[in-house]
Amino acid sequence: MTDMSEAPARPDRRDRSIAGAPNFDLLAGVSLRVSVEVGSTSMTLAELLSLSEGSVVELDRAANELLDIYANGTLIAKGEIVSVEGRYGIQIAEVVAPAQGFAGFERRG
């Protein structure tokens, strides 16, 4: 390259779209396991073994709170349950900022 006009264009840092990132096509076909967590609780083994049909397990989340959406165990978004043609779906309400999602490494096993 003899001058800057021949240099490849640098991606615009304001464009937060992953599809605009260099080498996106390289990773676009990678499969991820996406899961949704309604809530969780802790119980003893005895409590777990005493569960039967009709038992109710109280979770640590209020019914009106958003659900956590994970990709390969990493928190990526929050959303709410919707019905799509008779099946459950998740509507994304907010995407977790990368710094927020990776800083604490909120991974679920």
PDB file of N, CA and C in Angstrom:
ATOM      1  N   MET A   1       0.840  -1.170   0.000  1.00  0.00           N
ATOM      2  CA  MET A   1       0.000   0.000   0.000  1.00  0.00           C
ATOM      3  C   MET A   1       0.880   1.225   0.000  1.00  0.00           C
ATOM      4  N   THR A   2       0.558   2.111  -0.870  1.00  0.00           N
ATOM      5  CA  THR A   2       1.377   3.319  -0.954  1.00  0.00           C
ATOM      6  C   THR A   2       0.742   4.506  -0.266  1.00  0.00           C
ATOM      7  N   ASP A   3      -0.564   4.521  -0.125  1.00  0.00           N
ATOM      8  CA  ASP A   3      -1.198   5.605   0.603  1.00  0.00           C
ATOM      9  C   ASP A   3      -2.417   5.073   1.360  1.00  0.00           C
ATOM     10  N   MET A   4      -2.987   5.909   2.179  1.00  0.00           N
ATOM     11  CA  MET A   4      -4.098   5.483   3.021  1.00  0.00           C
ATOM     12  C   MET A   4      -5.357   5.148   2.237  1.00  0.00           C
ATOM     13  N   SER A   5      -5.467   5.613   1.010  1.00  0.00           N
ATOM     14  CA  SER A   5      -6.672   5.324   0.238  1.00  0.00           C
ATOM     15  C   SER A   5      -6.762   3.843  -0.123  1.00  0.00           C
ATOM     16  N   GLU A   6      -5.640   3.126  -0.056  1.00  0.00           N
ATOM     17  CA  GLU A   6      -5.637   1.701  -0.365  1.00  0.00           C
ATOM     18  C   GLU A   6      -5.864   0.836   0.866  1.00  0.00           C
ATOM     19  N   ALA A   7      -5.840   1.439   2.046  1.00  0.00           N
ATOM     20  CA  ALA A   7      -6.021   0.672   3.277  1.00  0.00           C
ATOM     21  C   ALA A   7      -7.460   0.195   3.383  1.00  0.00           C
ATOM     22  N   PRO A   8      -7.659  -0.998   3.911  1.00  0.00           N
ATOM     23  CA  PRO A   8      -9.030  -1.473   4.083  1.00  0.00           C
ATOM     24  C   PRO A   8      -9.793  -0.584   5.054  1.00  0.00           C
ATOM     25  N   ALA A   9     -11.066  -0.427   4.802  1.00  0.00           N
ATOM     26  CA  ALA A   9     -11.892   0.426   5.660  1.00  0.00           C
ATOM     27  C   ALA A   9     -11.977  -0.178   7.048  1.00  0.00           C
ATOM     28  N   ARG A  10     -11.837   0.657   8.041  1.00  0.00           N
ATOM     29  CA  ARG A  10     -11.931   0.213   9.429  1.00  0.00           C
ATOM     30  C   ARG A  10     -13.404   0.181   9.826  1.00  0.00           C
ATOM     31  N   PRO A  11     -13.851  -0.869  10.485  1.00  0.00           N
ATOM     32  CA  PRO A  11     -15.261  -0.922  10.864  1.00  0.00           C
ATOM     33  C   PRO A  11     -15.637   0.235  11.777  1.00  0.00           C
ATOM     34  N   ASP A  12     -16.832   0.765  11.605  1.00  0.00           N
ATOM     35  CA  ASP A  12     -17.327   1.857  12.418  1.00  0.00           C
ATOM     36  C   ASP A  12     -17.587   1.331  13.827  1.00  0.00           C
ATOM     37  N   ARG A  13     -16.929   1.900  14.823  1.00  0.00           N
ATOM     38  CA  ARG A  13     -17.057   1.429  16.206  1.00  0.00           C
ATOM     39  C   ARG A  13     -18.474   1.628  16.742  1.00  0.00           C
ATOM     40  N   ARG A  14     -19.237   2.529  16.136  1.00  0.00           N
ATOM     41  CA  ARG A  14     -20.610   2.757  16.598  1.00  0.00           C
ATOM     42  C   ARG A  14     -21.542   1.653  16.120  1.00  0.00           C
ATOM     43  N   ASP A  15     -21.160   0.912  15.089  1.00  0.00           N
ATOM     44  CA  ASP A  15     -21.975  -0.183  14.588  1.00  0.00           C
ATOM     45  C   ASP A  15     -21.807  -1.367  15.531  1.00  0.00           C
ATOM     46  N   ARG A  16     -22.805  -1.613  16.402  1.00  0.00           N
ATOM     47  CA  ARG A  16     -22.717  -2.670  17.398  1.00  0.00           C
ATOM     48  C   ARG A  16     -23.180  -4.013  16.841  1.00  0.00           C
ATOM     49  N   SER A  17     -23.530  -4.061  15.554  1.00  0.00           N
ATOM     50  CA  SER A  17     -24.024  -5.292  14.956  1.00  0.00           C
ATOM     51  C   SER A  17     -22.886  -6.288  14.780  1.00  0.00           C
ATOM     52  N   ILE A  18     -23.084  -7.478  15.286  1.00  0.00           N
ATOM     53  CA  ILE A  18     -22.069  -8.528  15.149  1.00  0.00           C
ATOM     54  C   ILE A  18     -21.907  -8.925  13.685  1.00  0.00           C
ATOM     55  N   ALA A  19     -22.983  -8.805  12.914  1.00  0.00           N
ATOM     56  CA  ALA A  19     -22.915  -9.180  11.506  1.00  0.00           C
ATOM     57  C   ALA A  19     -21.948  -8.286  10.735  1.00  0.00           C
ATOM     58  N   GLY A  20     -21.679  -7.094  11.246  1.00  0.00           N
ATOM     59  CA  GLY A  20     -20.745  -6.192  10.577  1.00  0.00           C
ATOM     60  C   GLY A  20     -19.299  -6.438  10.980  1.00  0.00           C
ATOM     61  N   ALA A  21     -19.072  -7.326  11.931  1.00  0.00           N
ATOM     62  CA  ALA A  21     -17.724  -7.578  12.422  1.00  0.00           C
ATOM     63  C   ALA A  21     -16.923  -8.382  11.399  1.00  0.00           C
ATOM     64  N   PRO A  22     -15.613  -8.148  11.355  1.00  0.00           N
ATOM     65  CA  PRO A  22     -14.771  -8.923  10.450  1.00  0.00           C
ATOM     66  C   PRO A  22     -14.842 -10.412  10.793  1.00  0.00           C
ATOM     67  N   ASN A  23     -14.801 -11.238   9.791  1.00  0.00           N
ATOM     68  CA  ASN A  23     -14.796 -12.697   9.938  1.00  0.00           C
ATOM     69  C   ASN A  23     -16.078 -13.258  10.550  1.00  0.00           C
ATOM     70  N   PHE A  24     -17.160 -12.504  10.519  1.00  0.00           N
ATOM     71  CA  PHE A  24     -18.430 -13.015  11.061  1.00  0.00           C
ATOM     72  C   PHE A  24     -18.841 -14.288  10.339  1.00  0.00           C
ATOM     73  N   ASP A  25     -18.628 -14.326   9.022  1.00  0.00           N
ATOM     74  CA  ASP A  25     -19.018 -15.506   8.244  1.00  0.00           C
ATOM     75  C   ASP A  25     -18.320 -16.767   8.752  1.00  0.00           C
ATOM     76  N   LEU A  26     -17.147 -16.606   9.315  1.00  0.00           N
ATOM     77  CA  LEU A  26     -16.391 -17.734   9.845  1.00  0.00           C
ATOM     78  C   LEU A  26     -17.130 -18.405  11.005  1.00  0.00           C
ATOM     79  N   LEU A  27     -17.827 -17.610  11.801  1.00  0.00           N
ATOM     80  CA  LEU A  27     -18.499 -18.124  12.997  1.00  0.00           C
ATOM     81  C   LEU A  27     -20.007 -18.243  12.842  1.00  0.00           C
ATOM     82  N   ALA A  28     -20.565 -17.734  11.759  1.00  0.00           N
ATOM     83  CA  ALA A  28     -22.017 -17.656  11.604  1.00  0.00           C
ATOM     84  C   ALA A  28     -22.701 -19.014  11.693  1.00  0.00           C
ATOM     85  N   GLY A  29     -22.039 -20.088  11.325  1.00  0.00           N
ATOM     86  CA  GLY A  29     -22.660 -21.405  11.333  1.00  0.00           C
ATOM     87  C   GLY A  29     -22.464 -22.192  12.615  1.00  0.00           C
ATOM     88  N   VAL A  30     -21.804 -21.603  13.612  1.00  0.00           N
ATOM     89  CA  VAL A  30     -21.549 -22.300  14.874  1.00  0.00           C
ATOM     90  C   VAL A  30     -22.854 -22.426  15.655  1.00  0.00           C
ATOM     91  N   SER A  31     -23.173 -23.637  16.101  1.00  0.00           N
ATOM     92  CA  SER A  31     -24.397 -23.866  16.875  1.00  0.00           C
ATOM     93  C   SER A  31     -24.177 -23.507  18.340  1.00  0.00           C
ATOM     94  N   LEU A  32     -25.182 -22.875  18.931  1.00  0.00           N
ATOM     95  CA  LEU A  32     -25.160 -22.528  20.344  1.00  0.00           C
ATOM     96  C   LEU A  32     -26.391 -23.110  21.006  1.00  0.00           C
ATOM     97  N   ARG A  33     -26.273 -23.510  22.239  1.00  0.00           N
ATOM     98  CA  ARG A  33     -27.418 -23.988  23.013  1.00  0.00           C
ATOM     99  C   ARG A  33     -28.030 -22.790  23.711  1.00  0.00           C
ATOM    100  N   VAL A  34     -29.256 -22.441  23.355  1.00  0.00           N
ATOM    101  CA  VAL A  34     -29.948 -21.314  23.965  1.00  0.00           C
ATOM    102  C   VAL A  34     -30.947 -21.873  24.969  1.00  0.00           C
ATOM    103  N   SER A  35     -30.900 -21.350  26.190  1.00  0.00           N
ATOM    104  CA  SER A  35     -31.823 -21.802  27.231  1.00  0.00           C
ATOM    105  C   SER A  35     -32.400 -20.602  27.960  1.00  0.00           C
ATOM    106  N   VAL A  36     -33.547 -20.822  28.584  1.00  0.00           N
ATOM    107  CA  VAL A  36     -34.250 -19.766  29.303  1.00  0.00           C
ATOM    108  C   VAL A  36     -34.464 -20.238  30.730  1.00  0.00           C
ATOM    109  N   GLU A  37     -34.130 -19.382  31.689  1.00  0.00           N
ATOM    110  CA  GLU A  37     -34.303 -19.735  33.088  1.00  0.00           C
ATOM    111  C   GLU A  37     -35.463 -18.958  33.683  1.00  0.00           C
ATOM    112  N   VAL A  38     -36.460 -19.678  34.139  1.00  0.00           N
ATOM    113  CA  VAL A  38     -37.636 -19.076  34.767  1.00  0.00           C
ATOM    114  C   VAL A  38     -37.298 -18.657  36.191  1.00  0.00           C
ATOM    115  N   GLY A  39     -36.490 -19.424  36.860  1.00  0.00           N
ATOM    116  CA  GLY A  39     -36.089 -19.149  38.232  1.00  0.00           C
ATOM    117  C   GLY A  39     -35.362 -20.350  38.784  1.00  0.00           C
ATOM    118  N   SER A  40     -34.958 -20.257  40.035  1.00  0.00           N
ATOM    119  CA  SER A  40     -34.261 -21.381  40.656  1.00  0.00           C
ATOM    120  C   SER A  40     -34.550 -21.377  42.152  1.00  0.00           C
ATOM    121  N   THR A  41     -34.156 -22.442  42.789  1.00  0.00           N
ATOM    122  CA  THR A  41     -34.317 -22.566  44.233  1.00  0.00           C
ATOM    123  C   THR A  41     -33.293 -23.565  44.754  1.00  0.00           C
ATOM    124  N   SER A  42     -33.088 -23.560  46.033  1.00  0.00           N
ATOM    125  CA  SER A  42     -32.224 -24.549  46.683  1.00  0.00           C
ATOM    126  C   SER A  42     -33.092 -25.394  47.591  1.00  0.00           C
ATOM    127  N   MET A  43     -32.830 -26.681  47.605  1.00  0.00           N
ATOM    128  CA  MET A  43     -33.555 -27.580  48.499  1.00  0.00           C
ATOM    129  C   MET A  43     -32.656 -28.742  48.864  1.00  0.00           C
ATOM    130  N   THR A  44     -32.998 -29.369  49.954  1.00  0.00           N
ATOM    131  CA  THR A  44     -32.235 -30.532  50.391  1.00  0.00           C
ATOM    132  C   THR A  44     -32.637 -31.737  49.546  1.00  0.00           C
ATOM    133  N   LEU A  45     -31.837 -32.757  49.604  1.00  0.00           N
ATOM    134  CA  LEU A  45     -32.149 -33.986  48.881  1.00  0.00           C
ATOM    135  C   LEU A  45     -33.458 -34.586  49.399  1.00  0.00           C
ATOM    136  N   ALA A  46     -33.672 -34.515  50.702  1.00  0.00           N
ATOM    137  CA  ALA A  46     -34.908 -35.039  51.282  1.00  0.00           C
ATOM    138  C   ALA A  46     -36.127 -34.298  50.732  1.00  0.00           C
ATOM    139  N   GLU A  47     -36.021 -32.964  50.624  1.00  0.00           N
ATOM    140  CA  GLU A  47     -37.129 -32.172  50.066  1.00  0.00           C
ATOM    141  C   GLU A  47     -37.371 -32.550  48.608  1.00  0.00           C
ATOM    142  N   LEU A  48     -36.293 -32.725  47.856  1.00  0.00           N
ATOM    143  CA  LEU A  48     -36.405 -33.104  46.448  1.00  0.00           C
ATOM    144  C   LEU A  48     -37.092 -34.464  46.305  1.00  0.00           C
ATOM    145  N   LEU A  49     -36.691 -35.422  47.124  1.00  0.00           N
ATOM    146  CA  LEU A  49     -37.259 -36.763  47.048  1.00  0.00           C
ATOM    147  C   LEU A  49     -38.713 -36.825  47.522  1.00  0.00           C
ATOM    148  N   SER A  50     -39.125 -35.834  48.303  1.00  0.00           N
ATOM    149  CA  SER A  50     -40.507 -35.829  48.785  1.00  0.00           C
ATOM    150  C   SER A  50     -41.476 -35.194  47.787  1.00  0.00           C
ATOM    151  N   LEU A  51     -40.964 -34.650  46.674  1.00  0.00           N
ATOM    152  CA  LEU A  51     -41.844 -34.055  45.663  1.00  0.00           C
ATOM    153  C   LEU A  51     -42.684 -35.136  44.997  1.00  0.00           C
ATOM    154  N   SER A  52     -43.908 -34.795  44.713  1.00  0.00           N
ATOM    155  CA  SER A  52     -44.786 -35.734  44.018  1.00  0.00           C
ATOM    156  C   SER A  52     -45.664 -34.936  43.057  1.00  0.00           C
ATOM    157  N   GLU A  53     -46.467 -35.633  42.309  1.00  0.00           N
ATOM    158  CA  GLU A  53     -47.361 -34.967  41.366  1.00  0.00           C
ATOM    159  C   GLU A  53     -48.238 -33.974  42.131  1.00  0.00           C
ATOM    160  N   GLY A  54     -48.275 -32.748  41.650  1.00  0.00           N
ATOM    161  CA  GLY A  54     -49.058 -31.707  42.305  1.00  0.00           C
ATOM    162  C   GLY A  54     -48.258 -30.849  43.264  1.00  0.00           C
ATOM    163  N   SER A  55     -47.016 -31.243  43.580  1.00  0.00           N
ATOM    164  CA  SER A  55     -46.169 -30.431  44.456  1.00  0.00           C
ATOM    165  C   SER A  55     -45.851 -29.107  43.784  1.00  0.00           C
ATOM    166  N   VAL A  56     -45.689 -28.073  44.597  1.00  0.00           N
ATOM    167  CA  VAL A  56     -45.333 -26.746  44.083  1.00  0.00           C
ATOM    168  C   VAL A  56     -43.956 -26.392  44.629  1.00  0.00           C
ATOM    169  N   VAL A  57     -43.069 -25.969  43.745  1.00  0.00           N
ATOM    170  CA  VAL A  57     -41.722 -25.544  44.132  1.00  0.00           C
ATOM    171  C   VAL A  57     -41.652 -24.037  43.931  1.00  0.00           C
ATOM    172  N   GLU A  58     -41.423 -23.307  45.018  1.00  0.00           N
ATOM    173  CA  GLU A  58     -41.345 -21.850  44.938  1.00  0.00           C
ATOM    174  C   GLU A  58     -39.974 -21.444  44.397  1.00  0.00           C
ATOM    175  N   LEU A  59     -39.979 -20.565  43.388  1.00  0.00           N
ATOM    176  CA  LEU A  59     -38.736 -20.110  42.767  1.00  0.00           C
ATOM    177  C   LEU A  59     -38.340 -18.745  43.318  1.00  0.00           C
ATOM    178  N   ASP A  60     -37.117 -18.343  43.035  1.00  0.00           N
ATOM    179  CA  ASP A  60     -36.566 -17.090  43.559  1.00  0.00           C
ATOM    180  C   ASP A  60     -36.892 -15.871  42.693  1.00  0.00           C
ATOM    181  N   ARG A  61     -37.920 -15.957  41.878  1.00  0.00           N
ATOM    182  CA  ARG A  61     -38.236 -14.866  40.961  1.00  0.00           C
ATOM    183  C   ARG A  61     -39.735 -14.577  41.015  1.00  0.00           C
ATOM    184  N   ALA A  62     -40.069 -13.286  40.966  1.00  0.00           N
ATOM    185  CA  ALA A  62     -41.482 -12.894  40.950  1.00  0.00           C
ATOM    186  C   ALA A  62     -42.077 -13.204  39.576  1.00  0.00           C
ATOM    187  N   ALA A  63     -43.369 -13.437  39.535  1.00  0.00           N
ATOM    188  CA  ALA A  63     -44.048 -13.820  38.292  1.00  0.00           C
ATOM    189  C   ALA A  63     -43.959 -12.732  37.219  1.00  0.00           C
ATOM    190  N   ASN A  64     -43.803 -11.469  37.616  1.00  0.00           N
ATOM    191  CA  ASN A  64     -43.754 -10.389  36.628  1.00  0.00           C
ATOM    192  C   ASN A  64     -42.330 -10.011  36.210  1.00  0.00           C
ATOM    193  N   GLU A  65     -41.327 -10.701  36.713  1.00  0.00           N
ATOM    194  CA  GLU A  65     -39.936 -10.408  36.350  1.00  0.00           C
ATOM    195  C   GLU A  65     -39.585 -11.036  35.007  1.00  0.00           C
ATOM    196  N   LEU A  66     -38.625 -10.415  34.316  1.00  0.00           N
ATOM    197  CA  LEU A  66     -38.144 -10.950  33.044  1.00  0.00           C
ATOM    198  C   LEU A  66     -37.346 -12.229  33.274  1.00  0.00           C
ATOM    199  N   LEU A  67     -37.358 -13.110  32.284  1.00  0.00           N
ATOM    200  CA  LEU A  67     -36.622 -14.370  32.347  1.00  0.00           C
ATOM    201  C   LEU A  67     -35.208 -14.168  31.819  1.00  0.00           C
ATOM    202  N   ASP A  68     -34.260 -14.960  32.305  1.00  0.00           N
ATOM    203  CA  ASP A  68     -32.876 -14.895  31.822  1.00  0.00           C
ATOM    204  C   ASP A  68     -32.724 -15.794  30.608  1.00  0.00           C
ATOM    205  N   ILE A  69     -32.056 -15.284  29.576  1.00  0.00           N
ATOM    206  CA  ILE A  69     -31.799 -16.047  28.348  1.00  0.00           C
ATOM    207  C   ILE A  69     -30.291 -16.257  28.244  1.00  0.00           C
ATOM    208  N   TYR A  70     -29.892 -17.510  28.126  1.00  0.00           N
ATOM    209  CA  TYR A  70     -28.480 -17.878  28.094  1.00  0.00           C
ATOM    210  C   TYR A  70     -28.119 -18.490  26.748  1.00  0.00           C
ATOM    211  N   ALA A  71     -26.901 -18.237  26.289  1.00  0.00           N
ATOM    212  CA  ALA A  71     -26.331 -18.917  25.129  1.00  0.00           C
ATOM    213  C   ALA A  71     -25.090 -19.639  25.636  1.00  0.00           C
ATOM    214  N   ASN A  72     -25.100 -20.958  25.539  1.00  0.00           N
ATOM    215  CA  ASN A  72     -24.009 -21.788  26.065  1.00  0.00           C
ATOM    216  C   ASN A  72     -23.655 -21.415  27.499  1.00  0.00           C
ATOM    217  N   GLY A  73     -24.663 -21.150  28.314  1.00  0.00           N
ATOM    218  CA  GLY A  73     -24.447 -20.871  29.725  1.00  0.00           C
ATOM    219  C   GLY A  73     -24.099 -19.442  30.067  1.00  0.00           C
ATOM    220  N   THR A  74     -24.010 -18.539  29.088  1.00  0.00           N
ATOM    221  CA  THR A  74     -23.674 -17.143  29.336  1.00  0.00           C
ATOM    222  C   THR A  74     -24.912 -16.282  29.158  1.00  0.00           C
ATOM    223  N   LEU A  75     -25.218 -15.456  30.150  1.00  0.00           N
ATOM    224  CA  LEU A  75     -26.369 -14.572  30.087  1.00  0.00           C
ATOM    225  C   LEU A  75     -26.214 -13.591  28.932  1.00  0.00           C
ATOM    226  N   ILE A  76     -27.194 -13.585  28.003  1.00  0.00           N
ATOM    227  CA  ILE A  76     -27.108 -12.684  26.854  1.00  0.00           C
ATOM    228  C   ILE A  76     -28.275 -11.720  26.751  1.00  0.00           C
ATOM    229  N   ALA A  77     -29.417 -12.067  27.380  1.00  0.00           N
ATOM    230  CA  ALA A  77     -30.591 -11.206  27.247  1.00  0.00           C
ATOM    231  C   ALA A  77     -31.604 -11.549  28.322  1.00  0.00           C
ATOM    232  N   LYS A  78     -32.653 -10.729  28.378  1.00  0.00           N
ATOM    233  CA  LYS A  78     -33.791 -10.967  29.260  1.00  0.00           C
ATOM    234  C   LYS A  78     -35.046 -10.871  28.406  1.00  0.00           C
ATOM    235  N   GLY A  79     -36.062 -11.641  28.743  1.00  0.00           N
ATOM    236  CA  GLY A  79     -37.259 -11.639  27.921  1.00  0.00           C
ATOM    237  C   GLY A  79     -38.464 -12.159  28.662  1.00  0.00           C
ATOM    238  N   GLU A  80     -39.553 -12.319  27.908  1.00  0.00           N
ATOM    239  CA  GLU A  80     -40.796 -12.813  28.492  1.00  0.00           C
ATOM    240  C   GLU A  80     -41.402 -13.866  27.587  1.00  0.00           C
ATOM    241  N   ILE A  81     -42.181 -14.747  28.188  1.00  0.00           N
ATOM    242  CA  ILE A  81     -42.805 -15.844  27.441  1.00  0.00           C
ATOM    243  C   ILE A  81     -43.954 -15.307  26.599  1.00  0.00           C
ATOM    244  N   VAL A  82     -44.019 -15.791  25.362  1.00  0.00           N
ATOM    245  CA  VAL A  82     -45.130 -15.476  24.460  1.00  0.00           C
ATOM    246  C   VAL A  82     -45.606 -16.783  23.839  1.00  0.00           C
ATOM    247  N   SER A  83     -46.787 -16.756  23.255  1.00  0.00           N
ATOM    248  CA  SER A  83     -47.315 -17.913  22.559  1.00  0.00           C
ATOM    249  C   SER A  83     -47.213 -17.655  21.061  1.00  0.00           C
ATOM    250  N   VAL A  84     -46.596 -18.588  20.341  1.00  0.00           N
ATOM    251  CA  VAL A  84     -46.416 -18.462  18.897  1.00  0.00           C
ATOM    252  C   VAL A  84     -47.016 -19.706  18.252  1.00  0.00           C
ATOM    253  N   GLU A  85     -48.160 -19.533  17.623  1.00  0.00           N
ATOM    254  CA  GLU A  85     -48.853 -20.634  16.948  1.00  0.00           C
ATOM    255  C   GLU A  85     -48.994 -21.862  17.854  1.00  0.00           C
ATOM    256  N   GLY A  86     -49.426 -21.629  19.095  1.00  0.00           N
ATOM    257  CA  GLY A  86     -49.652 -22.728  20.021  1.00  0.00           C
ATOM    258  C   GLY A  86     -48.405 -23.269  20.689  1.00  0.00           C
ATOM    259  N   ARG A  87     -47.252 -22.664  20.454  1.00  0.00           N
ATOM    260  CA  ARG A  87     -46.000 -23.101  21.076  1.00  0.00           C
ATOM    261  C   ARG A  87     -45.435 -21.951  21.901  1.00  0.00           C
ATOM    262  N   TYR A  88     -44.604 -22.287  22.877  1.00  0.00           N
ATOM    263  CA  TYR A  88     -43.952 -21.253  23.667  1.00  0.00           C
ATOM    264  C   TYR A  88     -42.861 -20.574  22.856  1.00  0.00           C
ATOM    265  N   GLY A  89     -42.685 -19.289  23.110  1.00  0.00           N
ATOM    266  CA  GLY A  89     -41.600 -18.535  22.522  1.00  0.00           C
ATOM    267  C   GLY A  89     -41.117 -17.517  23.541  1.00  0.00           C
ATOM    268  N   ILE A  90     -40.028 -16.867  23.246  1.00  0.00           N
ATOM    269  CA  ILE A  90     -39.483 -15.838  24.131  1.00  0.00           C
ATOM    270  C   ILE A  90     -39.339 -14.554  23.338  1.00  0.00           C
ATOM    271  N   GLN A  91     -39.916 -13.477  23.858  1.00  0.00           N
ATOM    272  CA  GLN A  91     -39.747 -12.166  23.243  1.00  0.00           C
ATOM    273  C   GLN A  91     -38.636 -11.445  23.997  1.00  0.00           C
ATOM    274  N   ILE A  92     -37.617 -11.016  23.274  1.00  0.00           N
ATOM    275  CA  ILE A  92     -36.477 -10.340  23.888  1.00  0.00           C
ATOM    276  C   ILE A  92     -36.919  -8.961  24.350  1.00  0.00           C
ATOM    277  N   ALA A  93     -36.724  -8.670  25.629  1.00  0.00           N
ATOM    278  CA  ALA A  93     -37.076  -7.370  26.181  1.00  0.00           C
ATOM    279  C   ALA A  93     -35.841  -6.477  26.294  1.00  0.00           C
ATOM    280  N   GLU A  94     -34.705  -7.080  26.596  1.00  0.00           N
ATOM    281  CA  GLU A  94     -33.460  -6.313  26.653  1.00  0.00           C
ATOM    282  C   GLU A  94     -32.279  -7.236  26.411  1.00  0.00           C
ATOM    283  N   VAL A  95     -31.301  -6.722  25.704  1.00  0.00           N
ATOM    284  CA  VAL A  95     -30.063  -7.465  25.459  1.00  0.00           C
ATOM    285  C   VAL A  95     -29.078  -7.015  26.528  1.00  0.00           C
ATOM    286  N   VAL A  96     -28.431  -7.974  27.162  1.00  0.00           N
ATOM    287  CA  VAL A  96     -27.475  -7.664  28.212  1.00  0.00           C
ATOM    288  C   VAL A  96     -26.218  -7.111  27.559  1.00  0.00           C
ATOM    289  N   ALA A  97     -25.732  -5.991  28.070  1.00  0.00           N
ATOM    290  CA  ALA A  97     -24.515  -5.380  27.531  1.00  0.00           C
ATOM    291  C   ALA A  97     -23.367  -6.366  27.669  1.00  0.00           C
ATOM    292  N   PRO A  98     -22.476  -6.452  26.666  1.00  0.00           N
ATOM    293  CA  PRO A  98     -21.370  -7.413  26.747  1.00  0.00           C
ATOM    294  C   PRO A  98     -20.577  -7.306  28.037  1.00  0.00           C
ATOM    295  N   ALA A  99     -20.295  -6.099  28.505  1.00  0.00           N
ATOM    296  CA  ALA A  99     -19.532  -5.943  29.747  1.00  0.00           C
ATOM    297  C   ALA A  99     -20.318  -6.519  30.918  1.00  0.00           C
ATOM    298  N   GLN A 100     -21.634  -6.344  30.896  1.00  0.00           N
ATOM    299  CA  GLN A 100     -22.487  -6.853  31.967  1.00  0.00           C
ATOM    300  C   GLN A 100     -22.582  -8.375  31.883  1.00  0.00           C
ATOM    301  N   GLY A 101     -22.658  -8.909  30.684  1.00  0.00           N
ATOM    302  CA  GLY A 101     -22.811 -10.345  30.504  1.00  0.00           C
ATOM    303  C   GLY A 101     -21.539 -11.134  30.763  1.00  0.00           C
ATOM    304  N   PHE A 102     -20.382 -10.547  30.505  1.00  0.00           N
ATOM    305  CA  PHE A 102     -19.127 -11.289  30.643  1.00  0.00           C
ATOM    306  C   PHE A 102     -18.332 -10.913  31.886  1.00  0.00           C
ATOM    307  N   ALA A 103     -18.590  -9.746  32.466  1.00  0.00           N
ATOM    308  CA  ALA A 103     -17.803  -9.314  33.610  1.00  0.00           C
ATOM    309  C   ALA A 103     -17.891 -10.295  34.768  1.00  0.00           C
ATOM    310  N   GLY A 104     -19.106 -10.745  35.067  1.00  0.00           N
ATOM    311  CA  GLY A 104     -19.283 -11.674  36.174  1.00  0.00           C
ATOM    312  C   GLY A 104     -19.282 -13.121  35.728  1.00  0.00           C
ATOM    313  N   PHE A 105     -19.176 -13.374  34.445  1.00  0.00           N
ATOM    314  CA  PHE A 105     -19.249 -14.713  33.887  1.00  0.00           C
ATOM    315  C   PHE A 105     -20.377 -15.492  34.522  1.00  0.00           C
ATOM    316  N   GLU A 106     -21.584 -15.002  34.341  1.00  0.00           N
ATOM    317  CA  GLU A 106     -22.768 -15.655  34.897  1.00  0.00           C
ATOM    318  C   GLU A 106     -23.077 -16.905  34.099  1.00  0.00           C
ATOM    319  N   ARG A 107     -22.259 -17.917  34.270  1.00  0.00           N
ATOM    320  CA  ARG A 107     -22.445 -19.179  33.561  1.00  0.00           C
ATOM    321  C   ARG A 107     -23.265 -20.133  34.390  1.00  0.00           C
ATOM    322  N   ARG A 108     -24.104 -20.882  33.712  1.00  0.00           N
ATOM    323  CA  ARG A 108     -24.887 -21.925  34.371  1.00  0.00           C
ATOM    324  C   ARG A 108     -24.383 -23.255  33.836  1.00  0.00           C
ATOM    325  N   GLY A 109     -24.178 -24.206  34.709  1.00  0.00           N
ATOM    326  CA  GLY A 109     -23.642 -25.505  34.317  1.00  0.00           C
ATOM    327  C   GLY A 109     -24.623 -26.398  33.664  1.00  0.00           C
TER     328      GLY A 109
END
